[in-house]
Structures are given as C-alpha cells and as structure tokens.
Protein backbone atom coordinates (compact mmCIF):
# COMPACT_ATOMS: atom_id res chain seq x y z
CA UNK A 1 19.93 26.54 -47.68
CA UNK A 2 18.63 26.89 -44.13
CA UNK A 3 17.96 23.59 -42.30
CA UNK A 4 14.91 21.76 -43.61
CA UNK A 5 14.72 23.61 -46.92
CA UNK A 6 16.57 20.99 -48.95
CA UNK A 7 14.15 18.27 -47.87
CA UNK A 8 11.18 20.41 -48.97
CA UNK A 9 12.65 21.30 -52.35
CA UNK A 10 11.87 19.55 -55.64
CA UNK A 11 13.87 16.30 -55.67
CA UNK A 12 15.16 16.48 -59.24
CA UNK A 13 17.27 13.29 -59.20
CA UNK A 14 14.45 11.17 -57.77
CA UNK A 15 12.07 12.46 -60.45
CA UNK A 16 14.64 11.63 -63.14
CA UNK A 17 14.65 8.04 -61.89
CA UNK A 18 10.84 7.96 -62.18
CA UNK A 19 11.13 9.13 -65.78
CA UNK A 20 13.69 6.41 -66.49
CA UNK A 21 11.36 3.74 -65.09
CA UNK A 22 8.44 5.17 -67.07
CA UNK A 23 10.45 5.11 -70.32
CA UNK A 24 11.30 1.46 -69.68
CA UNK A 25 7.63 0.71 -69.03
CA UNK A 26 6.64 2.35 -72.30
CA UNK A 27 9.38 0.45 -74.15
CA UNK A 28 7.97 -2.84 -72.90
CA UNK A 29 4.80 -1.97 -74.82
CA UNK A 30 6.72 -1.03 -77.94
CA UNK A 31 6.12 2.70 -77.30
CA UNK A 32 9.39 4.46 -77.92
CA UNK A 33 9.57 8.27 -78.02
CA UNK A 34 9.60 8.16 -81.81
CA UNK A 35 6.57 5.85 -81.93
CA UNK A 36 4.65 8.03 -79.50
CA UNK A 37 5.51 11.11 -81.54
CA UNK A 38 4.04 9.32 -84.55
CA UNK A 39 0.91 8.25 -82.67
CA UNK A 40 0.13 11.50 -80.88
CA UNK A 41 -2.83 12.86 -82.79
CA UNK A 42 -4.42 16.17 -83.41
CA UNK A 43 -8.14 16.62 -83.82
CA UNK A 44 -7.70 17.03 -87.58
CA UNK A 45 -6.04 13.72 -88.42
CA UNK A 46 -7.52 11.50 -85.69
CA UNK A 47 -10.19 10.10 -88.02
CA UNK A 48 -7.81 9.70 -90.95
CA UNK A 49 -5.43 7.23 -89.27
CA UNK A 50 -5.84 3.66 -88.10
CA UNK A 51 -4.27 4.22 -84.69
CA UNK A 52 -3.61 7.42 -82.74
CA UNK A 53 -2.84 8.33 -79.16
CA UNK A 54 -4.10 11.10 -76.91
CA UNK A 55 -2.47 12.21 -73.67
CA UNK A 56 -4.17 14.27 -71.00
CA UNK A 57 -3.73 15.35 -67.40
CA UNK A 58 -6.52 15.79 -64.88
CA UNK A 59 -6.57 16.87 -61.26
CA UNK A 60 -8.04 14.72 -58.52
CA UNK A 61 -7.89 16.71 -55.30
CA UNK A 62 -4.38 18.13 -55.34
CA UNK A 63 -2.86 15.27 -57.32
CA UNK A 64 -2.33 15.42 -61.08
CA UNK A 65 -3.41 12.18 -62.77
CA UNK A 66 -2.19 11.30 -66.30
CA UNK A 67 -4.25 9.43 -68.88
CA UNK A 68 -3.04 7.72 -72.08
CA UNK A 69 -5.71 6.64 -74.54
CA UNK A 70 -5.11 4.72 -77.78
CA UNK A 71 -7.73 5.30 -80.50
CA UNK A 72 -8.18 2.44 -83.00
CA UNK A 73 -10.06 2.82 -86.26
CA UNK A 74 -10.81 -0.76 -87.22
CA UNK A 75 -11.97 0.08 -90.75
CA UNK A 76 -8.54 1.47 -91.54
CA UNK A 77 -6.60 -1.07 -89.51
CA UNK A 78 -6.55 -3.75 -92.26
CA UNK A 79 -4.64 -1.42 -94.57
CA UNK A 80 -2.04 -0.37 -91.99
CA UNK A 81 0.47 -3.06 -91.02
CA UNK A 82 2.17 -0.81 -88.46
CA UNK A 83 -1.13 -0.08 -86.73
CA UNK A 84 -2.14 -3.75 -86.77
CA UNK A 85 1.16 -4.76 -85.20
CA UNK A 86 0.84 -2.06 -82.54
CA UNK A 87 -2.72 -3.06 -81.64
CA UNK A 88 -1.62 -6.67 -81.35
CA UNK A 89 1.19 -5.77 -78.96
CA UNK A 90 -0.95 -3.49 -76.83
CA UNK A 91 -3.85 -5.89 -76.61
CA UNK A 92 -1.52 -8.59 -75.28
CA UNK A 93 -0.48 -6.30 -72.42
CA UNK A 94 -1.97 -6.36 -68.96
CA UNK A 95 -1.82 -2.55 -68.82
CA UNK A 96 -5.19 -2.03 -70.48
CA UNK A 97 -8.10 -0.62 -68.54
CA UNK A 98 -11.57 -2.10 -68.73
CA UNK A 99 -13.22 -0.52 -71.74
CA UNK A 100 -16.35 1.53 -71.58
CA UNK A 101 -19.40 -0.60 -72.26
CA UNK A 102 -21.16 -0.01 -75.55
CA UNK A 103 -24.57 -1.27 -76.68
CA UNK A 104 -22.96 -3.21 -79.56
CA UNK A 105 -19.84 -4.80 -78.11
CA UNK A 106 -18.02 -6.98 -80.56
CA UNK A 107 -14.91 -9.09 -80.98
CA UNK A 108 -12.68 -7.91 -83.81
CA UNK A 109 -10.32 -10.06 -85.86
CA UNK A 110 -7.02 -8.73 -87.16
CA UNK A 111 -5.31 -10.68 -89.94
CA UNK A 112 -1.55 -10.99 -89.75
CA UNK A 113 0.54 -10.49 -92.87
CA UNK A 114 1.13 -14.21 -93.48
CA UNK A 115 -2.57 -14.93 -93.29
CA UNK A 116 -1.96 -18.21 -91.46
CA UNK A 117 -2.99 -17.13 -87.99
CA UNK A 118 -5.66 -14.83 -86.69
CA UNK A 119 -5.25 -12.71 -83.59
CA UNK A 120 -8.51 -12.30 -81.70
CA UNK A 121 -8.81 -9.31 -79.37
CA UNK A 122 -10.40 -10.16 -76.06
CA UNK A 123 -13.76 -8.51 -75.45
CA UNK A 124 -12.24 -6.78 -72.41
CA UNK A 125 -9.91 -4.84 -74.67
CA UNK A 126 -11.98 -4.45 -77.82
CA UNK A 127 -15.22 -2.87 -76.74
CA UNK A 128 -16.46 -0.22 -79.15
CA UNK A 129 -16.38 3.10 -77.30
CA UNK A 130 -17.54 5.54 -79.97
CA UNK A 131 -18.67 5.64 -83.56
CA UNK A 132 -18.12 7.83 -86.58
CA UNK A 133 -20.30 7.88 -89.67
CA UNK A 134 -18.08 5.61 -91.71
CA UNK A 135 -16.07 3.64 -89.19
CA UNK A 136 -16.04 2.20 -85.73
CA UNK A 137 -13.47 3.62 -83.32
CA UNK A 138 -12.32 1.88 -80.19
CA UNK A 139 -10.49 3.57 -77.31
CA UNK A 140 -8.13 1.72 -75.01
CA UNK A 141 -6.71 3.38 -71.90
CA UNK A 142 -3.20 2.36 -70.92
CA UNK A 143 -2.76 1.98 -67.18
CA UNK A 144 0.91 2.59 -66.51
CA UNK A 145 2.42 2.71 -63.05
CA UNK A 146 5.39 4.99 -63.31
CA UNK A 147 3.73 8.00 -64.98
CA UNK A 148 1.27 8.02 -62.05
CA UNK A 149 4.22 7.70 -59.70
CA UNK A 150 6.02 10.61 -61.40
CA UNK A 151 3.12 13.06 -61.19
CA UNK A 152 2.11 11.99 -57.71
CA UNK A 153 5.66 12.59 -56.51
CA UNK A 154 5.90 15.91 -58.35
CA UNK A 155 2.62 17.29 -56.98
CA UNK A 156 3.47 16.07 -53.46
CA UNK A 157 6.80 17.89 -53.59
CA UNK A 158 5.11 21.04 -54.86
CA UNK A 159 2.79 20.88 -51.87
CA UNK A 160 5.84 20.55 -49.60
CA UNK A 161 7.35 23.62 -51.24
CA UNK A 162 4.15 25.59 -50.75
CA UNK A 163 3.88 24.45 -47.12
CA UNK A 164 7.41 25.66 -46.41
CA UNK A 165 6.77 28.96 -48.17
CA UNK A 166 3.59 29.45 -46.16
CA UNK A 167 5.57 28.95 -42.94
CA UNK A 168 8.24 31.39 -44.08
CA UNK A 169 5.65 33.96 -45.10
CA UNK A 170 4.14 33.87 -41.63
CA UNK A 171 7.59 34.19 -40.04
CA UNK A 172 8.50 37.15 -42.27
CA UNK A 173 5.14 38.86 -41.76
CA UNK A 174 5.47 38.56 -37.99
CA UNK A 175 9.05 39.82 -38.12
CA UNK A 176 8.03 42.85 -40.20
CA UNK A 177 5.14 43.56 -37.83
CA UNK A 178 7.50 43.54 -34.85
CA UNK A 179 9.98 45.73 -36.72
CA UNK A 180 7.20 48.14 -37.64
CA UNK A 181 6.27 48.48 -33.98
CA UNK A 182 9.87 49.07 -32.89
CA UNK A 183 10.56 51.66 -35.60
CA UNK A 184 7.32 53.49 -34.86
CA UNK A 185 8.41 53.86 -31.23
CA UNK A 186 11.96 54.91 -32.10
CA UNK A 187 10.97 57.39 -34.81
CA UNK A 188 7.87 58.73 -33.11
CA UNK A 189 7.57 62.52 -33.66
CA UNK A 190 5.95 63.15 -30.26
CA UNK A 191 9.33 64.17 -28.88
CA UNK A 192 11.98 66.39 -30.43
CA UNK A 193 14.55 63.84 -29.26
CA UNK A 194 13.17 61.44 -31.87
CA UNK A 195 13.30 63.88 -34.80
CA UNK A 196 16.73 62.61 -35.84
CA UNK A 197 15.40 59.05 -35.95
CA UNK A 198 12.32 60.20 -37.86
CA UNK A 199 14.42 61.79 -40.59
CA UNK A 200 16.89 58.90 -40.51
CA UNK A 201 14.18 56.35 -41.29
CA UNK A 202 12.53 58.62 -43.83
CA UNK A 203 15.83 58.68 -45.74
CA UNK A 204 16.21 54.90 -45.39
CA UNK A 205 12.71 54.20 -46.70
CA UNK A 206 13.14 56.72 -49.53
CA UNK A 207 16.31 54.93 -50.66
CA UNK A 208 14.59 51.56 -50.27
CA UNK A 209 11.71 52.60 -52.53
CA UNK A 210 14.17 54.04 -55.06
CA UNK A 211 16.07 50.73 -55.06
CA UNK A 212 13.02 48.72 -56.28
CA UNK A 213 14.69 45.61 -54.88
CA UNK A 214 12.11 42.90 -55.54
CA UNK A 215 9.56 44.58 -57.81
CA UNK A 216 10.16 47.16 -60.49
CA UNK A 217 7.91 50.21 -60.22
CA UNK A 218 8.90 51.56 -63.64
CA UNK A 219 6.41 51.29 -66.46
CA UNK A 220 9.20 50.83 -69.00
CA UNK A 221 10.15 47.62 -67.18
CA UNK A 222 6.55 46.46 -67.00
CA UNK A 223 6.32 46.57 -63.16
CA UNK A 224 7.70 43.05 -63.17
CA UNK A 225 9.21 40.89 -60.47
CA UNK A 226 13.00 41.03 -60.42
CA UNK A 227 15.11 37.92 -60.72
CA UNK A 228 16.84 36.85 -57.46
CA UNK A 229 20.25 37.78 -58.88
CA UNK A 230 19.10 41.27 -59.85
CA UNK A 231 17.28 41.69 -56.53
CA UNK A 232 20.49 40.87 -54.70
CA UNK A 233 22.39 43.57 -56.61
CA UNK A 234 19.68 46.13 -55.85
CA UNK A 235 19.73 45.18 -52.16
CA UNK A 236 23.51 45.67 -52.04
CA UNK A 237 23.10 49.05 -53.78
CA UNK A 238 20.50 50.10 -51.20
CA UNK A 239 22.80 49.18 -48.31
CA UNK A 240 25.66 51.11 -49.87
CA UNK A 241 23.53 54.23 -50.42
CA UNK A 242 22.28 54.21 -46.82
CA UNK A 243 25.84 54.10 -45.53
CA UNK A 244 26.94 56.84 -47.92
CA UNK A 245 24.07 59.09 -46.87
CA UNK A 246 25.27 58.98 -43.24
CA UNK A 247 21.70 59.27 -42.06
CA UNK A 248 22.38 56.73 -39.31
CA UNK A 249 24.08 57.73 -36.04
CA UNK A 250 27.84 57.44 -35.78
CA UNK A 251 27.62 54.78 -33.08
CA UNK A 252 26.72 51.34 -34.41
CA UNK A 253 25.26 50.51 -30.98
CA UNK A 254 22.53 53.10 -31.45
CA UNK A 255 18.97 51.83 -31.59
CA UNK A 256 18.57 53.00 -35.19
CA UNK A 257 21.58 50.93 -36.27
CA UNK A 258 20.20 47.83 -34.55
CA UNK A 259 16.82 48.23 -36.24
CA UNK A 260 18.43 48.94 -39.60
CA UNK A 261 20.48 45.74 -39.40
CA UNK A 262 17.29 43.83 -38.61
CA UNK A 263 15.60 45.44 -41.60
CA UNK A 264 18.42 44.43 -43.95
CA UNK A 265 18.50 40.90 -42.51
CA UNK A 266 14.77 40.50 -43.11
CA UNK A 267 15.29 41.53 -46.72
CA UNK A 268 18.10 38.99 -47.07
CA UNK A 269 15.79 36.30 -45.70
CA UNK A 270 13.17 37.36 -48.22
CA UNK A 271 15.85 37.14 -50.91
CA UNK A 272 16.58 33.55 -49.84
CA UNK A 273 12.90 32.77 -50.31
CA UNK A 274 12.91 34.23 -53.82
CA UNK A 275 16.00 32.15 -54.66
CA UNK A 276 14.27 29.06 -53.28
CA UNK A 277 11.10 29.77 -55.24
CA UNK A 278 13.02 30.45 -58.44
CA UNK A 279 15.08 27.29 -58.03
CA UNK A 280 11.97 25.13 -57.62
CA UNK A 281 10.20 26.74 -60.57
CA UNK A 282 13.26 26.02 -62.68
CA UNK A 283 13.41 22.43 -61.39
CA UNK A 284 9.75 21.81 -62.29
CA UNK A 285 10.19 23.32 -65.75
CA UNK A 286 13.33 21.32 -66.50
CA UNK A 287 12.03 17.99 -65.19
CA UNK A 288 8.86 18.31 -67.28
CA UNK A 289 10.97 19.25 -70.28
CA UNK A 290 13.04 16.10 -69.74
CA UNK A 291 9.84 14.08 -69.34
CA UNK A 292 8.61 15.34 -72.72
CA UNK A 293 11.97 14.77 -74.38
CA UNK A 294 12.20 11.17 -73.22
CA UNK A 295 8.56 10.26 -73.91
CA UNK A 296 7.23 12.79 -76.51
CA UNK A 297 4.04 13.12 -74.44
CA UNK A 298 3.93 16.98 -74.20
CA UNK A 299 3.21 17.00 -70.48
CA UNK A 300 4.74 20.40 -69.69
CA UNK A 301 2.03 22.70 -71.12
CA UNK A 302 -0.70 20.38 -69.85
CA UNK A 303 0.72 20.30 -66.34
CA UNK A 304 0.94 24.07 -65.93
CA UNK A 305 -2.55 24.46 -67.35
CA UNK A 306 -3.97 21.92 -64.90
CA UNK A 307 -2.37 23.45 -61.79
CA UNK A 308 -2.91 27.05 -62.84
CA UNK A 309 -5.93 27.49 -60.54
CA UNK A 310 -4.61 25.44 -57.62
CA UNK A 311 -3.11 27.67 -54.89
CA UNK A 312 -1.49 24.70 -53.16
CA UNK A 313 0.37 23.56 -56.25
CA UNK A 314 1.31 26.88 -57.81
CA UNK A 315 3.04 28.94 -55.13
CA UNK A 316 2.27 32.63 -55.23
CA UNK A 317 4.91 35.31 -55.36
CA UNK A 318 6.39 35.60 -51.88
CA UNK A 319 8.29 38.81 -52.62
CA UNK A 320 5.17 40.51 -53.97
CA UNK A 321 3.20 39.61 -50.84
CA UNK A 322 5.93 40.90 -48.52
CA UNK A 323 6.41 44.09 -50.53
CA UNK A 324 2.69 44.78 -50.22
CA UNK A 325 3.03 44.30 -46.46
CA UNK A 326 5.93 46.75 -46.42
CA UNK A 327 4.00 49.41 -48.31
CA UNK A 328 0.82 49.00 -46.29
CA UNK A 329 2.35 48.81 -42.80
CA UNK A 330 6.02 49.66 -42.47
CA UNK A 331 6.19 52.67 -44.79
CA UNK A 332 2.94 54.11 -43.47
CA UNK A 333 4.51 54.93 -40.09
CA UNK A 334 7.08 57.22 -41.77
CA UNK A 335 5.22 59.39 -44.31
CA UNK A 336 7.26 60.59 -47.28
CA UNK A 337 7.48 64.24 -48.27
CA UNK A 338 6.54 63.52 -51.89
CA UNK A 339 3.04 62.55 -50.75
CA UNK A 340 2.46 66.00 -49.25
CA UNK A 341 3.97 68.25 -51.90
CA UNK A 342 2.14 71.08 -53.61
CA UNK A 343 1.67 70.25 -57.29
CA UNK A 344 2.59 73.82 -58.26
CA UNK A 345 5.78 74.59 -56.32
CA UNK A 346 6.83 70.97 -55.64
CA UNK A 347 7.45 71.91 -52.03
CA UNK A 348 5.55 70.89 -48.92
CA UNK A 349 1.96 72.12 -49.09
CA UNK A 350 2.23 74.32 -45.98
CA UNK A 351 -1.18 75.59 -44.90
CA UNK A 352 -2.87 73.17 -47.29
CA UNK A 353 -5.92 74.49 -49.08
CA UNK A 354 -8.31 71.79 -50.24
CA UNK A 355 -10.40 72.89 -53.20
CA UNK A 356 -13.92 71.71 -53.95
CA UNK A 357 -12.45 69.11 -56.32
CA UNK A 358 -10.44 67.70 -53.33
CA UNK A 359 -7.02 68.64 -54.73
CA UNK A 360 -4.65 70.28 -52.25
CA UNK A 361 -2.25 73.18 -52.81
CA UNK A 362 -0.20 75.32 -50.50
CA UNK A 363 -1.71 78.64 -49.47
CA UNK A 364 1.07 80.66 -51.06
CA UNK A 365 0.56 79.16 -54.53
CA UNK A 366 -3.22 79.43 -54.31
CA UNK A 367 -3.03 83.14 -53.52
CA UNK A 368 -0.86 83.67 -56.59
CA UNK A 369 -3.46 81.86 -58.73
CA UNK A 370 -6.25 84.01 -57.29
CA UNK A 371 -4.31 87.23 -57.93
CA UNK A 372 -3.86 86.13 -61.52
CA UNK A 373 -7.64 85.48 -61.75
CA UNK A 374 -7.03 81.79 -62.55
CA UNK A 375 -10.14 79.83 -61.64
CA UNK A 376 -9.21 76.41 -63.05
CA UNK A 377 -7.66 73.76 -60.81
CA UNK A 378 -4.15 73.02 -62.18
CA UNK A 379 -4.78 69.28 -61.91
CA UNK A 380 -8.35 68.61 -63.01
CA UNK A 381 -9.42 72.01 -64.50
CA UNK A 382 -12.39 72.32 -62.14
CA UNK A 383 -13.54 75.93 -61.58
CA UNK A 384 -12.86 76.05 -57.83
CA UNK A 385 -9.80 78.28 -57.30
CA UNK A 386 -11.53 81.66 -56.95
CA UNK A 387 -14.12 80.22 -54.58
CA UNK A 388 -11.49 79.09 -52.06
CA UNK A 389 -11.16 81.00 -48.77
CA UNK A 390 -10.04 80.32 -45.20
CA UNK A 391 -12.66 77.61 -44.80
CA UNK A 392 -10.80 75.51 -47.36
CA UNK A 393 -7.66 75.20 -45.20
CA UNK A 394 -7.37 71.58 -44.08
CA UNK A 395 -6.52 71.94 -40.39
CA UNK A 396 -6.14 68.20 -39.76
CA UNK A 397 -3.66 67.88 -42.61
CA UNK A 398 -1.82 70.99 -41.42
CA UNK A 399 -1.40 69.54 -37.93
CA UNK A 400 -0.19 66.26 -39.42
CA UNK A 401 2.44 68.09 -41.47
CA UNK A 402 3.62 70.06 -38.46
CA UNK A 403 4.06 66.79 -36.57
CA UNK A 404 5.91 64.77 -39.20
CA UNK A 405 7.64 67.48 -41.25
CA UNK A 406 8.83 70.12 -38.77
CA UNK A 407 12.02 70.98 -40.67
CA UNK A 408 10.27 71.32 -44.01
CA UNK A 409 7.53 73.47 -42.45
CA UNK A 410 10.13 75.76 -40.93
CA UNK A 411 11.93 76.13 -44.24
CA UNK A 412 8.69 76.78 -46.09
CA UNK A 413 7.71 79.51 -43.62
CA UNK A 414 11.06 81.21 -44.10
CA UNK A 415 10.61 81.15 -47.87
CA UNK A 416 7.11 82.55 -47.58
CA UNK A 417 8.34 85.36 -45.32
CA UNK A 418 10.96 86.29 -47.89
CA UNK A 419 8.25 86.47 -50.54
CA UNK A 420 6.12 88.64 -48.26
CA UNK A 421 8.88 91.21 -47.88
CA UNK A 422 9.74 91.15 -51.56
CA UNK A 423 6.10 91.41 -52.71
CA UNK A 424 3.72 92.27 -49.84
CA UNK A 425 0.62 92.46 -52.02
CA UNK A 426 1.00 88.86 -53.13
CA UNK A 427 0.22 87.18 -49.82
CA UNK A 428 -3.31 88.07 -48.88
CA UNK A 429 -6.12 85.61 -48.45
CA UNK A 430 -9.81 86.22 -47.95
CA UNK A 431 -10.99 85.09 -44.49
CA UNK A 432 -14.70 84.50 -44.18
CA UNK A 433 -16.64 84.78 -40.91
CA UNK A 434 -20.33 84.80 -40.18
CA UNK A 435 -20.69 88.58 -40.28
CA UNK A 436 -17.58 90.27 -41.58
CA UNK A 437 -14.84 89.54 -44.07
CA UNK A 438 -11.29 90.70 -43.62
CA UNK A 439 -7.93 90.31 -45.30
CA UNK A 440 -5.04 88.48 -43.57
CA UNK A 441 -1.49 89.27 -44.62
C-alpha cells in the first residue's frame, strides 16, 4: 500500500482483541454464545418464555451504539429454574442500567430451588417497564464496556477509510482534469499537424470503452462493478491492445506516449483504490461475522442496516465516480464515430439531415428513402421523410463533423461520388428558397 494507507485501513487484529474482551465480559455474566442463542427472542415467542434477550444497534451521530436488553416475565419465572438462575446472576451484576420508571414499581421475590433462602431484586434492577394482559414484564439493559468499544472503534476506522478515499478521489479528479486539458491541446483538430494525435486518442478511448475495466456496460452482466482482480486483467488487456494497434507514434518520447503513460498510471492508481475499498469491505464483513460467531448476537445484518444511509460510514464506489468523470469530461474532448453514424448505412452521417422528429440521417440515405416514397422515419416511424428538404440539413453538426472526422468525411464523399456515377438519378435533393425551387445533383 502507499504510505499512510495501512494506518487508515480497518485494523482487523485490534478488533479481534475487542471481541475477545467482550466475550470474556459476557462470560462473567454467565452469557456464553450458546446461552445467548437460547435467549435471543423473536416477536412470536417473547411472551411465551420467562426470560428473553433482544439486541439492537442505533446510530448516535456517526457512531454505532449497541444495546442489550433482557426481558423478564415474572409470572413464568417461578416455573423456569434456568430463567430464575439467570435473573439472579444478572441482577447481582453492576452492569445493569437504571430501569425506566413505572407507576407501579415493585420489588419481586424469586424463590431458590431449596426454598431456604430468598433472593430479593433491588428496586433499581426490578422496575416494571411494561405490561401484558396476563403478566408483568420487566426489561433490564446490560451496560457492557467492550461491545461499545468494538463498535466505536469500527465506526471510527470506517470514517478514516472514507476520509482517505475522499482525499484520493480529489487527487484523481484533479489528475484527470489536468490530463483532459493536456490531451485536448495535443489532439486539437484546429491544425492538420494534430490529426494524427486526434485519431490516436480516438483509438485509445475506443479500446478503453471496449475494455469495460471497472464497470461492465453489458446488460447480460447486469452493468455491475468489476472485482479488483478482474479489473486488473481488463486493464492489462487494454494496454496490450493499444500497443498492438500501433496508434501511438514510434518514438516513446512523443507527447502522445507521455500522456498515454499518465493515463494508464491514473487507472492503476484507481485500481489501487478499488483494491483498498474491497479489502476494507471484506474486513468489515469478516470481523462482524466473527463477532456474531463468538457472541451469537447477529450484529452483522443490523450494522449494515444502520449505516446504510450514512455517507461517512458507507464509502461510495470510487471507481464508479471516476468512470463517470471520464465519460463526462475526458471522452467528450475526443468524439467517437459511433455517435455520429447514420442509422441506415452505419457510416458517418455526412451532410446530416435532421427530420422533424429530431433523428438524423445522411443526405445520401434520405434521398434513397424519398425516391422510394418512404415517409416513415426508420427509427420512430414518424411521417417526416418526404417533408425534408435543404432546410433540414444541420449545418452546425456538419461543421463539427468536418472538424473532428476529416478522414471519414473524405471517404464518405468518395463513396457518394461513386454512387452518383453509377446511378445519377439517385442523388437529387429538393432545395427550397423563398421564390423558386431547384434540384441539386
């Protein structure tokens, strides 16, 4: 890990020691994992048993606070020796919170099996908290030190993880912004000298999008985040394909090579962040699983439910945020041909004609549709094809295509000229003016 990352990561060994101390604390109250498993109640059987236990987690600020409550049904206690023994042991402990005051506080007497001695519960521990129709139920909260210590330490470390990730996100965002500026200058189409760089970076970005390094764009894969191991393989594949394509200049000292190496290095840094995030998620999951195994308190589902809405405790997906930044900023400076293709011929929409339904087709394909008396838009079936004329040519889009796709425009013009000579009558378009109409070949 880079310097400082280890200190910010989840300290698994230290949390294990907290669990060990908590287990010892529970054992001093006679609460082994097996006993707790027996006492943990569901809403269905809570009123049918003499003693049950409920465990909950709550959030105070950004700290998760545990709460253990023992429910005692005194009407059923006299018939349950195990429950009577457990109540006796718990009531003798100093780990009992002050009970909630009730209008009819009482002192309850529990008879031991030999009948010779009576154990009187102190009023502090035996206040009636709630009633049922047939019995009186008392709730005692156990105040234990090391479960509070465990969750305080865990949530503090999660905040440290999020703080580090926030710093790294800002560093990566700034680095991508600087790289975007440098690539936009190098691959600017204002000069023919930069056309090679323009097409070089278009190839690089096309391969990068095909690689789907951090996020899958395929519906069959559910558009899910990739695991760090799989992302690393896809990143290596992308690098190999770029080198095989030979889109970069032969000299590794060329500006495009320098920027490409920076681009790959930024992706490797992002990959380190995904590894770090995955490692900490795994550490949290495993330490909570160990907590539940040693105590039978089912803290894992409760913990993730409690922190689900807390952005400081549940780190967002770093890779997803960076990928969005790539798509919105970096890729926008090098437009891809697939975004400007005619839906009919799958070639660049040279002399783009925008129909009334806003769909765009190349002039050549639209003329063919008009000659065939097809009036329905091929994409949305709107009746706009026969109404199109020279006014529907999108001049701004045409100028944009000439700037960013000069080679494709040249090739498309050559193909159209070949079609003109092979079938002259197929390339006319109606040009509308204020007074006269004429036909342009």
